[in-house]
Amino acid sequence: MRFQTYTWGGVAATVYYLNRGEKVDRHQHPIEHTTVPLVGQSLVDIDDGRALTIMKPGDPNLTLPANVDHEIMAVDDGTVVMNMVVGSVSGDMVVAKDGEDGGVELDAA
């Protein structure tokens, strides 16, 4: 997995480049963010009682709620996923506008 992070106007966007089965490991953080695939399909698992969601380009962004475990996995080789959050990214943490530290995983082990 590779990723790049871009910031503008108080929003941070992290773009992940994934092959089939690679994932942004299960995690949670105290701020919500959105996710959407730009290329390929992703499988999003949110531990809030929802069914697994398969997303494809053109689908509306999916909000990942604060303080709820979630995981994003590539269904196809060459999948590109973008996550966006209000705030900025510093190292492997997202810093929300109100100063709370996030925990959006940017570098899976």
Protein backbone atom coordinates (compact mmCIF):
# COMPACT_ATOMS: atom_id res chain seq x y z
CA MET A 1 0.00 0.00 0.00
CA ARG A 2 1.16 3.50 -0.85
CA PHE A 3 -0.49 6.77 0.09
CA GLN A 4 -0.21 10.51 -0.44
CA THR A 5 -1.80 13.26 1.64
CA TYR A 6 -2.95 16.62 0.31
CA THR A 7 -4.30 19.59 2.27
CA TRP A 8 -6.23 22.66 1.21
CA GLY A 9 -8.70 25.02 2.85
CA GLY A 10 -8.79 23.15 6.16
CA VAL A 11 -9.39 19.74 4.57
CA ALA A 12 -6.90 16.86 4.41
CA ALA A 13 -7.30 14.20 1.72
CA THR A 14 -5.30 10.98 1.88
CA VAL A 15 -5.19 8.94 -1.33
CA TYR A 16 -4.42 5.23 -0.89
CA TYR A 17 -3.12 2.99 -3.70
CA LEU A 18 -4.12 -0.61 -2.97
CA ASN A 19 -4.12 -3.99 -4.64
CA ARG A 20 -6.77 -6.66 -4.06
CA GLY A 21 -6.89 -7.66 -0.38
CA GLU A 22 -4.72 -4.76 0.85
CA LYS A 23 -6.42 -2.59 3.42
CA VAL A 24 -6.38 0.33 5.75
CA ASP A 25 -6.47 -1.78 8.91
CA ARG A 26 -9.34 -1.62 11.40
CA HIS A 27 -9.08 1.49 13.56
CA GLN A 28 -11.13 4.33 15.02
CA HIS A 29 -10.59 7.96 15.95
CA PRO A 30 -12.59 10.71 17.66
CA ILE A 31 -13.51 12.54 14.43
CA GLU A 32 -15.58 11.47 11.43
CA HIS A 33 -14.23 11.36 7.91
CA THR A 34 -15.42 10.29 4.48
CA THR A 35 -14.18 7.65 2.07
CA VAL A 36 -14.74 7.06 -1.64
CA PRO A 37 -12.99 4.90 -4.25
CA LEU A 38 -11.66 6.79 -7.27
CA VAL A 39 -10.55 3.67 -9.20
CA GLY A 40 -11.60 0.06 -8.59
CA GLN A 41 -13.85 -1.08 -5.78
CA SER A 42 -13.47 -1.00 -2.01
CA LEU A 43 -15.15 -2.97 0.76
CA VAL A 44 -15.92 -0.84 3.80
CA ASP A 45 -16.63 -2.51 7.16
CA ILE A 46 -18.03 -0.20 9.85
CA ASP A 47 -18.72 -1.68 13.30
CA ASP A 48 -22.02 0.15 13.77
CA GLY A 49 -24.45 -2.56 12.70
CA ARG A 50 -24.40 -1.76 8.98
CA ALA A 51 -23.87 -4.44 6.38
CA LEU A 52 -20.51 -4.46 4.59
CA THR A 53 -20.54 -1.82 1.87
CA ILE A 54 -18.95 -2.35 -1.54
CA MET A 55 -18.17 1.02 -3.11
CA LYS A 56 -17.28 1.90 -6.70
CA PRO A 57 -16.29 5.15 -8.44
CA GLY A 58 -19.23 7.50 -8.74
CA ASP A 59 -20.84 6.37 -5.49
CA PRO A 60 -21.49 9.13 -2.95
CA ASN A 61 -18.89 9.52 -0.22
CA LEU A 62 -19.50 7.28 2.80
CA THR A 63 -19.17 8.88 6.24
CA LEU A 64 -17.14 6.89 8.74
CA PRO A 65 -18.41 7.92 12.18
CA ALA A 66 -16.21 9.03 15.04
CA ASN A 67 -15.31 6.50 17.74
CA VAL A 68 -16.44 3.50 15.67
CA ASP A 69 -14.04 0.85 14.34
CA HIS A 70 -13.83 0.67 10.56
CA GLU A 71 -11.68 -0.91 7.86
CA ILE A 72 -11.30 -0.30 4.11
CA MET A 73 -10.14 -3.12 1.80
CA ALA A 74 -9.46 -3.14 -1.94
CA VAL A 75 -11.63 -5.51 -3.96
CA ASP A 76 -9.65 -5.01 -7.18
CA ASP A 77 -5.97 -4.63 -8.06
CA GLY A 78 -5.13 -0.99 -8.74
CA THR A 79 -7.80 0.39 -6.39
CA VAL A 80 -7.41 4.06 -5.44
CA VAL A 81 -9.33 5.27 -2.37
CA MET A 82 -9.57 8.83 -1.06
CA ASN A 83 -10.36 9.66 2.57
CA MET A 84 -11.12 13.26 3.55
CA VAL A 85 -11.27 14.92 6.96
CA VAL A 86 -11.72 18.48 8.18
CA GLY A 87 -8.36 19.21 9.77
CA SER A 88 -4.77 18.44 8.90
CA VAL A 89 -2.57 15.37 8.87
CA SER A 90 0.58 15.34 10.97
CA GLY A 91 2.67 12.19 10.71
CA ASP A 92 0.31 9.26 11.19
CA MET A 93 -2.36 11.27 13.00
CA VAL A 94 -5.20 13.50 11.86
CA VAL A 95 -5.55 16.68 13.87
CA ALA A 96 -9.14 17.88 13.87
CA LYS A 97 -9.99 21.57 13.64
CA ASP A 98 -10.92 21.57 17.32
CA GLY A 99 -7.48 20.23 18.22
CA GLU A 100 -8.48 16.63 18.97
CA ASP A 101 -6.07 14.00 17.77
CA GLY A 102 -7.45 11.50 15.34
CA GLY A 103 -5.93 8.18 14.43
CA VAL A 104 -6.59 7.64 10.76
CA GLU A 105 -4.07 4.99 9.89
CA LEU A 106 -1.79 6.13 7.11
CA ASP A 107 0.85 3.42 7.20
CA ALA A 108 -0.38 -0.11 7.83
CA ALA A 109 2.20 -2.47 9.26
